[in-house]
Amino acid sequence: MVAFADLLDLQTAVIERVKTAGITDVFPQLVRLAESDFNRRLRCAEQVTTDTVTITSGTAALPTDLQEIIGVYDTSGLEYIGQPLQALKQVQTRGYYAISGTNIIARNDEDLTIEYYASVPTITDSMTDSNWLLARHPNLYLYAVSMEAAKYLRDGELISGLTAPLAMEYDAVSGADMSFRYARARVRVAGVVP
């Protein structure tokens, strides 16, 4: 059983935490503010996704949910190297890319696969919405949205009371992600080992 099944459950819990129902009208906005902070601070395995873009005339639009690029690969699996836009203009060979605004720039017209961290899916489209983060880390949503509510209410005491628990939740999410990704990882030492 999950702590919060959806946005409505979360809203009820946040209202109880901040002790005011006056945030109901702005609640979706408060959730979007918290989700914006998630997108700046979180890089979890659940966010890793891939998309194929087609470079035409040297440019293609990046995925709209892209937060951070992990790697760019051509159709044979060769990884492209990221360069500043000015450096890319001087390089005459393939195998390099640059970012310009919301576009990816490359020398050759081809399909490229982008592996990246995607935005956390919003839960504000419907009162019955949920996502992987709310299901796996409900306290992060609770404290983050409560913090946004405290800021909205200009309640300094509530803000200071939420600061430490919110930081602990971010650390807990990061720790859980590290365990998920690397719990069984092995390190192999190169060369002769005594």
N, C-alpha and C. Protein backbone atom coordinates (compact mmCIF):
# COMPACT_ATOMS: atom_id res chain seq x y z
N MET A 1 0.84 -1.19 0.00
CA MET A 1 0.00 0.00 0.00
C MET A 1 0.87 1.24 0.00
N VAL A 2 0.54 2.21 -0.84
CA VAL A 2 1.30 3.45 -0.93
C VAL A 2 0.74 4.47 0.05
N ALA A 3 1.60 5.38 0.48
CA ALA A 3 1.19 6.40 1.45
C ALA A 3 0.15 7.35 0.84
N PHE A 4 0.42 7.78 -0.39
CA PHE A 4 -0.52 8.66 -1.09
C PHE A 4 -0.83 8.03 -2.43
N ALA A 5 -2.10 7.75 -2.66
CA ALA A 5 -2.49 7.12 -3.92
C ALA A 5 -2.44 8.10 -5.08
N ASP A 6 -2.66 9.39 -4.78
CA ASP A 6 -2.75 10.37 -5.86
C ASP A 6 -2.61 11.79 -5.31
N LEU A 7 -2.84 12.76 -6.18
CA LEU A 7 -2.73 14.17 -5.82
C LEU A 7 -3.70 14.54 -4.70
N LEU A 8 -4.89 13.99 -4.72
CA LEU A 8 -5.89 14.30 -3.70
C LEU A 8 -5.42 13.86 -2.31
N ASP A 9 -4.86 12.66 -2.20
CA ASP A 9 -4.31 12.20 -0.92
C ASP A 9 -3.19 13.12 -0.44
N LEU A 10 -2.32 13.51 -1.36
CA LEU A 10 -1.22 14.41 -1.02
C LEU A 10 -1.75 15.75 -0.55
N GLN A 11 -2.75 16.28 -1.23
CA GLN A 11 -3.33 17.56 -0.83
C GLN A 11 -3.87 17.50 0.59
N THR A 12 -4.57 16.44 0.92
CA THR A 12 -5.12 16.27 2.26
C THR A 12 -4.00 16.26 3.31
N ALA A 13 -2.93 15.54 3.03
CA ALA A 13 -1.81 15.45 3.97
C ALA A 13 -1.10 16.78 4.13
N VAL A 14 -0.92 17.52 3.06
CA VAL A 14 -0.24 18.82 3.14
C VAL A 14 -1.11 19.81 3.91
N ILE A 15 -2.40 19.81 3.67
CA ILE A 15 -3.30 20.71 4.40
C ILE A 15 -3.25 20.41 5.90
N GLU A 16 -3.20 19.13 6.25
CA GLU A 16 -3.07 18.76 7.67
C GLU A 16 -1.74 19.23 8.24
N ARG A 17 -0.66 19.14 7.47
CA ARG A 17 0.66 19.52 7.95
C ARG A 17 0.76 21.03 8.16
N VAL A 18 0.24 21.82 7.21
CA VAL A 18 0.36 23.28 7.33
C VAL A 18 -0.81 23.90 8.10
N LYS A 19 -1.78 23.08 8.42
CA LYS A 19 -2.92 23.48 9.26
C LYS A 19 -3.73 24.65 8.69
N THR A 20 -3.90 24.62 7.37
CA THR A 20 -4.79 25.60 6.74
C THR A 20 -5.30 25.06 5.41
N ALA A 21 -6.60 25.21 5.21
CA ALA A 21 -7.21 24.78 3.95
C ALA A 21 -7.15 25.90 2.91
N GLY A 22 -6.55 27.04 3.27
CA GLY A 22 -6.47 28.18 2.38
C GLY A 22 -5.56 27.99 1.18
N ILE A 23 -4.91 26.85 1.10
CA ILE A 23 -4.01 26.60 -0.03
C ILE A 23 -4.65 25.76 -1.13
N THR A 24 -5.90 25.38 -0.95
CA THR A 24 -6.57 24.48 -1.90
C THR A 24 -6.57 25.05 -3.31
N ASP A 25 -6.86 26.34 -3.46
CA ASP A 25 -6.94 26.94 -4.79
C ASP A 25 -5.58 26.98 -5.50
N VAL A 26 -4.51 27.11 -4.74
CA VAL A 26 -3.17 27.21 -5.35
C VAL A 26 -2.40 25.90 -5.24
N PHE A 27 -3.03 24.83 -4.76
CA PHE A 27 -2.31 23.59 -4.52
C PHE A 27 -1.60 23.05 -5.76
N PRO A 28 -2.24 22.99 -6.94
CA PRO A 28 -1.51 22.50 -8.13
C PRO A 28 -0.26 23.34 -8.42
N GLN A 29 -0.34 24.64 -8.22
CA GLN A 29 0.82 25.51 -8.43
C GLN A 29 1.93 25.16 -7.44
N LEU A 30 1.59 24.90 -6.19
CA LEU A 30 2.58 24.54 -5.18
C LEU A 30 3.25 23.21 -5.54
N VAL A 31 2.48 22.27 -6.06
CA VAL A 31 3.04 20.98 -6.47
C VAL A 31 3.99 21.18 -7.65
N ARG A 32 3.61 22.01 -8.62
CA ARG A 32 4.49 22.26 -9.76
C ARG A 32 5.79 22.93 -9.32
N LEU A 33 5.73 23.82 -8.33
CA LEU A 33 6.95 24.43 -7.80
C LEU A 33 7.86 23.37 -7.17
N ALA A 34 7.27 22.46 -6.40
CA ALA A 34 8.05 21.37 -5.79
C ALA A 34 8.64 20.48 -6.89
N GLU A 35 7.85 20.17 -7.91
CA GLU A 35 8.34 19.33 -9.01
C GLU A 35 9.47 20.03 -9.78
N SER A 36 9.40 21.33 -9.87
CA SER A 36 10.49 22.08 -10.51
C SER A 36 11.77 21.91 -9.71
N ASP A 37 11.67 21.93 -8.39
CA ASP A 37 12.83 21.69 -7.54
C ASP A 37 13.33 20.25 -7.69
N PHE A 38 12.41 19.29 -7.81
CA PHE A 38 12.81 17.89 -8.05
C PHE A 38 13.64 17.80 -9.33
N ASN A 39 13.18 18.48 -10.37
CA ASN A 39 13.87 18.41 -11.66
C ASN A 39 15.26 19.03 -11.61
N ARG A 40 15.46 20.00 -10.74
CA ARG A 40 16.79 20.58 -10.57
C ARG A 40 17.70 19.69 -9.74
N ARG A 41 17.15 19.01 -8.74
CA ARG A 41 17.98 18.33 -7.75
C ARG A 41 18.09 16.81 -7.90
N LEU A 42 17.13 16.17 -8.52
CA LEU A 42 17.12 14.71 -8.58
C LEU A 42 17.66 14.18 -9.90
N ARG A 43 18.44 13.11 -9.81
CA ARG A 43 18.88 12.35 -10.97
C ARG A 43 18.80 10.88 -10.56
N CYS A 44 17.63 10.28 -10.80
CA CYS A 44 17.34 8.91 -10.36
C CYS A 44 17.27 7.97 -11.56
N ALA A 45 17.43 6.70 -11.28
CA ALA A 45 17.37 5.68 -12.33
C ALA A 45 16.04 5.71 -13.07
N GLU A 46 14.96 6.04 -12.37
CA GLU A 46 13.64 6.08 -13.00
C GLU A 46 13.53 7.20 -14.02
N GLN A 47 14.41 8.17 -13.96
CA GLN A 47 14.37 9.29 -14.90
C GLN A 47 15.14 9.00 -16.19
N VAL A 48 15.95 7.96 -16.20
CA VAL A 48 16.77 7.66 -17.37
C VAL A 48 15.88 7.17 -18.50
N THR A 49 16.00 7.81 -19.64
CA THR A 49 15.21 7.43 -20.81
C THR A 49 16.03 7.68 -22.07
N THR A 50 15.56 7.17 -23.18
CA THR A 50 16.22 7.41 -24.46
C THR A 50 15.22 7.92 -25.48
N ASP A 51 15.74 8.65 -26.45
CA ASP A 51 14.91 9.15 -27.53
C ASP A 51 15.80 9.26 -28.76
N THR A 52 15.22 9.11 -29.91
CA THR A 52 15.95 9.26 -31.16
C THR A 52 15.56 10.58 -31.79
N VAL A 53 16.57 11.36 -32.17
CA VAL A 53 16.33 12.62 -32.86
C VAL A 53 16.96 12.52 -34.24
N THR A 54 16.36 13.19 -35.20
CA THR A 54 16.87 13.19 -36.56
C THR A 54 17.50 14.54 -36.85
N ILE A 55 18.80 14.53 -37.07
CA ILE A 55 19.52 15.76 -37.40
C ILE A 55 19.24 16.08 -38.87
N THR A 56 18.68 17.24 -39.11
CA THR A 56 18.41 17.72 -40.46
C THR A 56 19.00 19.11 -40.60
N SER A 57 19.80 19.30 -41.62
CA SER A 57 20.51 20.58 -41.83
C SER A 57 21.33 20.95 -40.60
N GLY A 58 21.86 19.94 -39.92
CA GLY A 58 22.75 20.17 -38.80
C GLY A 58 22.11 20.39 -37.45
N THR A 59 20.78 20.29 -37.37
CA THR A 59 20.11 20.57 -36.09
C THR A 59 18.88 19.69 -35.89
N ALA A 60 18.52 19.48 -34.64
CA ALA A 60 17.29 18.76 -34.28
C ALA A 60 16.84 19.27 -32.93
N ALA A 61 15.54 19.23 -32.69
CA ALA A 61 15.00 19.64 -31.40
C ALA A 61 15.28 18.57 -30.35
N LEU A 62 15.67 19.03 -29.17
CA LEU A 62 15.87 18.11 -28.04
C LEU A 62 14.53 17.67 -27.49
N PRO A 63 14.46 16.53 -26.81
CA PRO A 63 13.21 16.11 -26.16
C PRO A 63 12.76 17.19 -25.16
N THR A 64 11.47 17.42 -25.10
CA THR A 64 10.95 18.50 -24.24
C THR A 64 11.10 18.20 -22.76
N ASP A 65 11.22 16.92 -22.39
CA ASP A 65 11.35 16.58 -20.98
C ASP A 65 12.80 16.38 -20.54
N LEU A 66 13.77 16.77 -21.39
CA LEU A 66 15.18 16.58 -21.09
C LEU A 66 15.63 17.49 -19.95
N GLN A 67 16.28 16.89 -18.94
CA GLN A 67 16.88 17.66 -17.86
C GLN A 67 18.39 17.66 -17.94
N GLU A 68 18.98 16.51 -18.33
CA GLU A 68 20.44 16.41 -18.42
C GLU A 68 20.79 15.26 -19.35
N ILE A 69 21.73 15.50 -20.25
CA ILE A 69 22.16 14.46 -21.19
C ILE A 69 23.15 13.53 -20.51
N ILE A 70 22.94 12.23 -20.70
CA ILE A 70 23.88 11.21 -20.23
C ILE A 70 24.82 10.85 -21.36
N GLY A 71 24.29 10.63 -22.56
CA GLY A 71 25.12 10.28 -23.71
C GLY A 71 24.37 10.46 -25.00
N VAL A 72 25.13 10.68 -26.08
CA VAL A 72 24.57 10.80 -27.43
C VAL A 72 25.30 9.79 -28.29
N TYR A 73 24.54 8.97 -29.05
CA TYR A 73 25.12 7.87 -29.81
C TYR A 73 24.58 7.87 -31.24
N ASP A 74 25.44 7.46 -32.18
CA ASP A 74 24.95 7.29 -33.55
C ASP A 74 24.32 5.91 -33.69
N THR A 75 23.87 5.57 -34.89
CA THR A 75 23.14 4.30 -35.08
C THR A 75 24.01 3.07 -34.87
N SER A 76 25.33 3.22 -34.95
CA SER A 76 26.22 2.08 -34.72
C SER A 76 26.64 1.97 -33.25
N GLY A 77 26.19 2.91 -32.41
CA GLY A 77 26.50 2.87 -30.99
C GLY A 77 27.71 3.70 -30.60
N LEU A 78 28.34 4.38 -31.55
CA LEU A 78 29.48 5.24 -31.27
C LEU A 78 29.01 6.46 -30.48
N GLU A 79 29.68 6.71 -29.36
CA GLU A 79 29.28 7.86 -28.54
C GLU A 79 29.85 9.15 -29.11
N TYR A 80 28.97 10.14 -29.22
CA TYR A 80 29.37 11.47 -29.65
C TYR A 80 29.91 12.24 -28.45
N ILE A 81 30.83 13.15 -28.69
CA ILE A 81 31.45 13.94 -27.63
C ILE A 81 30.84 15.33 -27.64
N GLY A 82 30.39 15.79 -26.47
CA GLY A 82 29.81 17.12 -26.35
C GLY A 82 30.89 18.18 -26.40
N GLN A 83 30.62 19.25 -27.13
CA GLN A 83 31.54 20.36 -27.28
C GLN A 83 30.78 21.68 -27.15
N PRO A 84 31.46 22.75 -26.78
CA PRO A 84 30.82 24.06 -26.85
C PRO A 84 30.48 24.36 -28.31
N LEU A 85 29.46 25.14 -28.54
CA LEU A 85 29.00 25.44 -29.90
C LEU A 85 30.12 26.05 -30.74
N GLN A 86 30.91 26.93 -30.14
CA GLN A 86 32.00 27.58 -30.89
C GLN A 86 33.03 26.54 -31.34
N ALA A 87 33.35 25.57 -30.49
CA ALA A 87 34.32 24.53 -30.85
C ALA A 87 33.76 23.63 -31.95
N LEU A 88 32.46 23.35 -31.90
CA LEU A 88 31.85 22.49 -32.91
C LEU A 88 31.94 23.13 -34.29
N LYS A 89 31.86 24.44 -34.36
CA LYS A 89 31.95 25.14 -35.65
C LYS A 89 33.32 24.96 -36.29
N GLN A 90 34.34 24.69 -35.47
CA GLN A 90 35.70 24.51 -35.99
C GLN A 90 36.00 23.05 -36.33
N VAL A 91 35.26 22.12 -35.75
CA VAL A 91 35.49 20.69 -35.98
C VAL A 91 34.79 20.30 -37.28
N GLN A 92 35.54 19.65 -38.16
CA GLN A 92 34.98 19.29 -39.46
C GLN A 92 34.58 17.82 -39.56
N THR A 93 34.74 17.07 -38.48
CA THR A 93 34.44 15.64 -38.54
C THR A 93 33.19 15.32 -37.74
N ARG A 94 32.67 14.14 -37.98
CA ARG A 94 31.50 13.70 -37.22
C ARG A 94 31.96 13.18 -35.86
N GLY A 95 31.02 12.91 -34.98
CA GLY A 95 31.36 12.37 -33.67
C GLY A 95 31.29 13.40 -32.57
N TYR A 96 30.86 14.61 -32.91
CA TYR A 96 30.76 15.69 -31.93
C TYR A 96 29.37 16.32 -32.00
N TYR A 97 28.92 16.84 -30.88
CA TYR A 97 27.64 17.55 -30.85
C TYR A 97 27.77 18.76 -29.92
N ALA A 98 26.84 19.67 -30.07
CA ALA A 98 26.75 20.83 -29.18
C ALA A 98 25.27 21.10 -28.92
N ILE A 99 25.01 21.82 -27.85
CA ILE A 99 23.64 22.21 -27.51
C ILE A 99 23.52 23.71 -27.75
N SER A 100 22.48 24.09 -28.44
CA SER A 100 22.19 25.49 -28.68
C SER A 100 20.72 25.71 -28.36
N GLY A 101 20.45 26.34 -27.23
CA GLY A 101 19.06 26.53 -26.80
C GLY A 101 18.40 25.20 -26.54
N THR A 102 17.33 24.92 -27.27
CA THR A 102 16.62 23.64 -27.11
C THR A 102 16.91 22.70 -28.28
N ASN A 103 18.03 22.93 -28.96
CA ASN A 103 18.41 22.10 -30.11
C ASN A 103 19.75 21.43 -29.89
N ILE A 104 19.91 20.30 -30.56
CA ILE A 104 21.21 19.62 -30.62
C ILE A 104 21.76 19.88 -32.01
N ILE A 105 23.05 20.21 -32.06
CA ILE A 105 23.71 20.55 -33.31
C ILE A 105 24.78 19.49 -33.58
N ALA A 106 24.84 19.00 -34.81
CA ALA A 106 25.86 18.02 -35.22
C ALA A 106 26.22 18.29 -36.67
N ARG A 107 27.35 17.76 -37.09
CA ARG A 107 27.85 18.02 -38.45
C ARG A 107 27.07 17.26 -39.53
N ASN A 108 26.74 16.01 -39.28
CA ASN A 108 26.11 15.18 -40.31
C ASN A 108 24.62 15.04 -40.05
N ASP A 109 23.85 14.97 -41.12
CA ASP A 109 22.42 14.70 -41.00
C ASP A 109 22.24 13.20 -40.79
N GLU A 110 21.76 12.82 -39.62
CA GLU A 110 21.60 11.41 -39.27
C GLU A 110 20.71 11.29 -38.05
N ASP A 111 20.37 10.07 -37.71
CA ASP A 111 19.63 9.79 -36.48
C ASP A 111 20.61 9.63 -35.34
N LEU A 112 20.33 10.28 -34.22
CA LEU A 112 21.13 10.14 -33.02
C LEU A 112 20.23 9.69 -31.88
N THR A 113 20.74 8.81 -31.05
CA THR A 113 20.02 8.37 -29.86
C THR A 113 20.55 9.15 -28.68
N ILE A 114 19.65 9.78 -27.95
CA ILE A 114 20.03 10.55 -26.77
C ILE A 114 19.55 9.79 -25.54
N GLU A 115 20.49 9.48 -24.65
CA GLU A 115 20.15 8.91 -23.35
C GLU A 115 20.22 10.07 -22.37
N TYR A 116 19.16 10.24 -21.58
CA TYR A 116 19.10 11.44 -20.74
C TYR A 116 18.24 11.22 -19.51
N TYR A 117 18.36 12.16 -18.57
CA TYR A 117 17.48 12.21 -17.42
C TYR A 117 16.27 13.05 -17.81
N ALA A 118 15.09 12.44 -17.71
CA ALA A 118 13.84 13.13 -18.06
C ALA A 118 13.27 13.83 -16.83
N SER A 119 12.41 14.78 -17.07
CA SER A 119 11.71 15.46 -15.98
C SER A 119 10.86 14.46 -15.20
N VAL A 120 10.67 14.75 -13.94
CA VAL A 120 9.73 13.97 -13.13
C VAL A 120 8.34 14.26 -13.68
N PRO A 121 7.56 13.23 -14.03
CA PRO A 121 6.22 13.48 -14.57
C PRO A 121 5.35 14.22 -13.54
N THR A 122 4.66 15.23 -14.00
CA THR A 122 3.82 16.00 -13.09
C THR A 122 2.59 15.20 -12.67
N ILE A 123 2.12 15.50 -11.49
CA ILE A 123 0.89 14.85 -11.00
C ILE A 123 -0.26 15.86 -10.93
N THR A 124 -0.10 17.02 -11.57
CA THR A 124 -1.09 18.09 -11.44
C THR A 124 -2.14 18.12 -12.54
N ASP A 125 -2.12 17.17 -13.46
CA ASP A 125 -3.10 17.19 -14.54
C ASP A 125 -4.48 16.75 -14.08
N SER A 126 -4.53 15.94 -13.04
CA SER A 126 -5.80 15.43 -12.52
C SER A 126 -5.64 15.13 -11.04
N MET A 127 -6.70 15.21 -10.28
CA MET A 127 -6.63 14.94 -8.85
C MET A 127 -6.32 13.47 -8.57
N THR A 128 -6.44 12.60 -9.58
CA THR A 128 -6.14 11.18 -9.39
C THR A 128 -4.79 10.79 -9.99
N ASP A 129 -3.97 11.79 -10.35
CA ASP A 129 -2.66 11.51 -10.91
C ASP A 129 -1.66 11.05 -9.86
N SER A 130 -0.72 10.24 -10.30
CA SER A 130 0.38 9.79 -9.47
C SER A 130 1.59 9.60 -10.39
N ASN A 131 2.75 9.35 -9.82
CA ASN A 131 3.94 9.04 -10.61
C ASN A 131 4.86 8.16 -9.76
N TRP A 132 5.98 7.76 -10.32
CA TRP A 132 6.92 6.87 -9.63
C TRP A 132 7.48 7.52 -8.37
N LEU A 133 7.72 8.82 -8.38
CA LEU A 133 8.31 9.48 -7.23
C LEU A 133 7.33 9.53 -6.05
N LEU A 134 6.08 9.83 -6.32
CA LEU A 134 5.07 9.84 -5.26
C LEU A 134 4.89 8.44 -4.68
N ALA A 135 4.94 7.42 -5.53
CA ALA A 135 4.77 6.05 -5.06
C ALA A 135 5.97 5.58 -4.24
N ARG A 136 7.18 5.89 -4.69
CA ARG A 136 8.39 5.39 -4.01
C ARG A 136 8.87 6.28 -2.87
N HIS A 137 8.64 7.58 -2.97
CA HIS A 137 9.16 8.52 -1.96
C HIS A 137 8.08 9.55 -1.59
N PRO A 138 7.00 9.09 -0.98
CA PRO A 138 5.90 10.01 -0.68
C PRO A 138 6.29 11.13 0.27
N ASN A 139 7.22 10.86 1.19
CA ASN A 139 7.62 11.92 2.14
C ASN A 139 8.33 13.07 1.44
N LEU A 140 9.04 12.80 0.36
CA LEU A 140 9.68 13.88 -0.37
C LEU A 140 8.62 14.83 -0.92
N TYR A 141 7.59 14.27 -1.53
CA TYR A 141 6.49 15.11 -2.01
C TYR A 141 5.83 15.85 -0.84
N LEU A 142 5.58 15.15 0.24
CA LEU A 142 4.91 15.77 1.40
C LEU A 142 5.70 16.96 1.91
N TYR A 143 6.99 16.78 2.17
CA TYR A 143 7.80 17.87 2.72
C TYR A 143 8.04 18.97 1.70
N ALA A 144 8.27 18.61 0.44
CA ALA A 144 8.55 19.63 -0.58
C ALA A 144 7.33 20.50 -0.85
N VAL A 145 6.16 19.89 -0.97
CA VAL A 145 4.95 20.68 -1.22
C VAL A 145 4.56 21.45 0.04
N SER A 146 4.78 20.86 1.21
CA SER A 146 4.52 21.59 2.46
C SER A 146 5.44 22.81 2.56
N MET A 147 6.69 22.67 2.12
CA MET A 147 7.62 23.80 2.12
C MET A 147 7.12 24.90 1.20
N GLU A 148 6.66 24.52 0.01
CA GLU A 148 6.12 25.53 -0.91
C GLU A 148 4.88 26.20 -0.32
N ALA A 149 4.06 25.43 0.39
CA ALA A 149 2.88 26.00 1.05
C ALA A 149 3.29 26.96 2.16
N ALA A 150 4.32 26.58 2.92
CA ALA A 150 4.81 27.46 3.99
C ALA A 150 5.35 28.76 3.42
N LYS A 151 6.04 28.69 2.29
CA LYS A 151 6.52 29.91 1.64
C LYS A 151 5.34 30.76 1.18
N TYR A 152 4.34 30.11 0.60
CA TYR A 152 3.15 30.83 0.13
C TYR A 152 2.45 31.52 1.30
N LEU A 153 2.38 30.85 2.43
CA LEU A 153 1.72 31.41 3.62
C LEU A 153 2.62 32.37 4.38
N ARG A 154 3.89 32.45 3.98
CA ARG A 154 4.89 33.30 4.64
C ARG A 154 5.01 32.96 6.13
N ASP A 155 5.08 31.65 6.38
CA ASP A 155 5.17 31.14 7.75
C ASP A 155 6.61 30.72 8.03
N GLY A 156 7.39 31.64 8.60
CA GLY A 156 8.81 31.39 8.86
C GLY A 156 9.06 30.23 9.80
N GLU A 157 8.22 30.07 10.80
CA GLU A 157 8.38 28.97 11.74
C GLU A 157 8.18 27.61 11.05
N LEU A 158 7.18 27.55 10.20
CA LEU A 158 6.93 26.31 9.46
C LEU A 158 8.06 26.02 8.48
N ILE A 159 8.56 27.07 7.83
CA ILE A 159 9.68 26.91 6.89
C ILE A 159 10.89 26.33 7.61
N SER A 160 11.24 26.90 8.77
CA SER A 160 12.41 26.40 9.49
C SER A 160 12.18 24.99 10.02
N GLY A 161 10.94 24.64 10.35
CA GLY A 161 10.63 23.30 10.81
C GLY A 161 10.66 22.25 9.70
N LEU A 162 10.50 22.69 8.46
CA LEU A 162 10.49 21.76 7.32
C LEU A 162 11.85 21.63 6.64
N THR A 163 12.76 22.55 6.90
CA THR A 163 14.05 22.57 6.20
C THR A 163 14.84 21.28 6.42
N ALA A 164 15.03 20.88 7.65
CA ALA A 164 15.82 19.66 7.94
C ALA A 164 15.13 18.39 7.43
N PRO A 165 13.83 18.19 7.68
CA PRO A 165 13.20 16.97 7.15
C PRO A 165 13.24 16.89 5.62
N LEU A 166 13.09 18.04 4.95
CA LEU A 166 13.15 18.04 3.49
C LEU A 166 14.54 17.67 3.01
N ALA A 167 15.57 18.22 3.62
CA ALA A 167 16.95 17.87 3.25
C ALA A 167 17.20 16.38 3.49
N MET A 168 16.69 15.84 4.59
CA MET A 168 16.85 14.42 4.88
C MET A 168 16.16 13.56 3.84
N GLU A 169 15.01 13.99 3.35
CA GLU A 169 14.29 13.23 2.32
C GLU A 169 15.05 13.24 0.99
N TYR A 170 15.61 14.38 0.62
CA TYR A 170 16.44 14.41 -0.59
C TYR A 170 17.61 13.45 -0.45
N ASP A 171 18.25 13.44 0.73
CA ASP A 171 19.36 12.50 0.97
C ASP A 171 18.88 11.06 0.90
N ALA A 172 17.69 10.79 1.45
CA ALA A 172 17.15 9.42 1.44
C ALA A 172 16.87 8.96 0.01
N VAL A 173 16.33 9.84 -0.82
CA VAL A 173 16.06 9.48 -2.21
C VAL A 173 17.37 9.20 -2.94
N SER A 174 18.36 10.05 -2.71
CA SER A 174 19.67 9.86 -3.34
C SER A 174 20.31 8.54 -2.88
N GLY A 175 20.22 8.25 -1.60
CA GLY A 175 20.78 7.00 -1.07
C GLY A 175 20.07 5.78 -1.62
N ALA A 176 18.76 5.84 -1.70
CA ALA A 176 17.98 4.72 -2.25
C ALA A 176 18.33 4.50 -3.71
N ASP A 177 18.53 5.58 -4.45
CA ASP A 177 18.89 5.46 -5.86
C ASP A 177 20.28 4.85 -6.00
N MET A 178 21.23 5.28 -5.18
CA MET A 178 22.58 4.71 -5.23
C MET A 178 22.54 3.21 -4.93
N SER A 179 21.77 2.82 -3.92
CA SER A 179 21.65 1.40 -3.58
C SER A 179 21.02 0.62 -4.73
N PHE A 180 19.98 1.19 -5.33
CA PHE A 180 19.30 0.53 -6.44
C PHE A 180 20.25 0.30 -7.61
N ARG A 181 21.05 1.30 -7.92
CA ARG A 181 21.93 1.22 -9.09
C ARG A 181 23.20 0.41 -8.84
N TYR A 182 23.79 0.54 -7.63
CA TYR A 182 25.14 0.03 -7.44
C TYR A 182 25.30 -0.99 -6.33
N ALA A 183 24.22 -1.53 -5.80
CA ALA A 183 24.32 -2.47 -4.67
C ALA A 183 25.17 -3.69 -5.01
N ARG A 184 25.10 -4.18 -6.21
CA ARG A 184 25.85 -5.38 -6.59
C ARG A 184 27.00 -5.06 -7.54
N ALA A 185 27.37 -3.81 -7.65
CA ALA A 185 28.46 -3.43 -8.55
C ALA A 185 29.79 -3.94 -8.01
N ARG A 186 30.67 -4.25 -8.91
CA ARG A 186 31.99 -4.73 -8.54
C ARG A 186 33.04 -3.79 -9.11
N VAL A 187 34.14 -3.68 -8.40
CA VAL A 187 35.27 -2.90 -8.87
C VAL A 187 36.40 -3.86 -9.20
N ARG A 188 36.96 -3.70 -10.35
CA ARG A 188 38.05 -4.56 -10.78
C ARG A 188 39.31 -3.70 -10.93
N VAL A 189 40.34 -4.06 -10.23
CA VAL A 189 41.59 -3.32 -10.27
C VAL A 189 42.38 -3.78 -11.50
N ALA A 190 42.82 -2.82 -12.29
CA ALA A 190 43.60 -3.14 -13.49
C ALA A 190 45.06 -3.39 -13.12
N GLY A 191 45.70 -4.21 -13.86
CA GLY A 191 47.12 -4.46 -13.64
C GLY A 191 47.38 -5.56 -12.64
N VAL A 192 48.65 -5.69 -12.23
CA VAL A 192 49.06 -6.73 -11.31
C VAL A 192 48.69 -6.31 -9.90
N VAL A 193 48.02 -7.21 -9.19
CA VAL A 193 47.60 -6.94 -7.81
C VAL A 193 48.28 -7.95 -6.90
N PRO A 194 48.91 -7.49 -5.82
CA PRO A 194 49.61 -8.43 -4.93
C PRO A 194 48.68 -9.42 -4.27
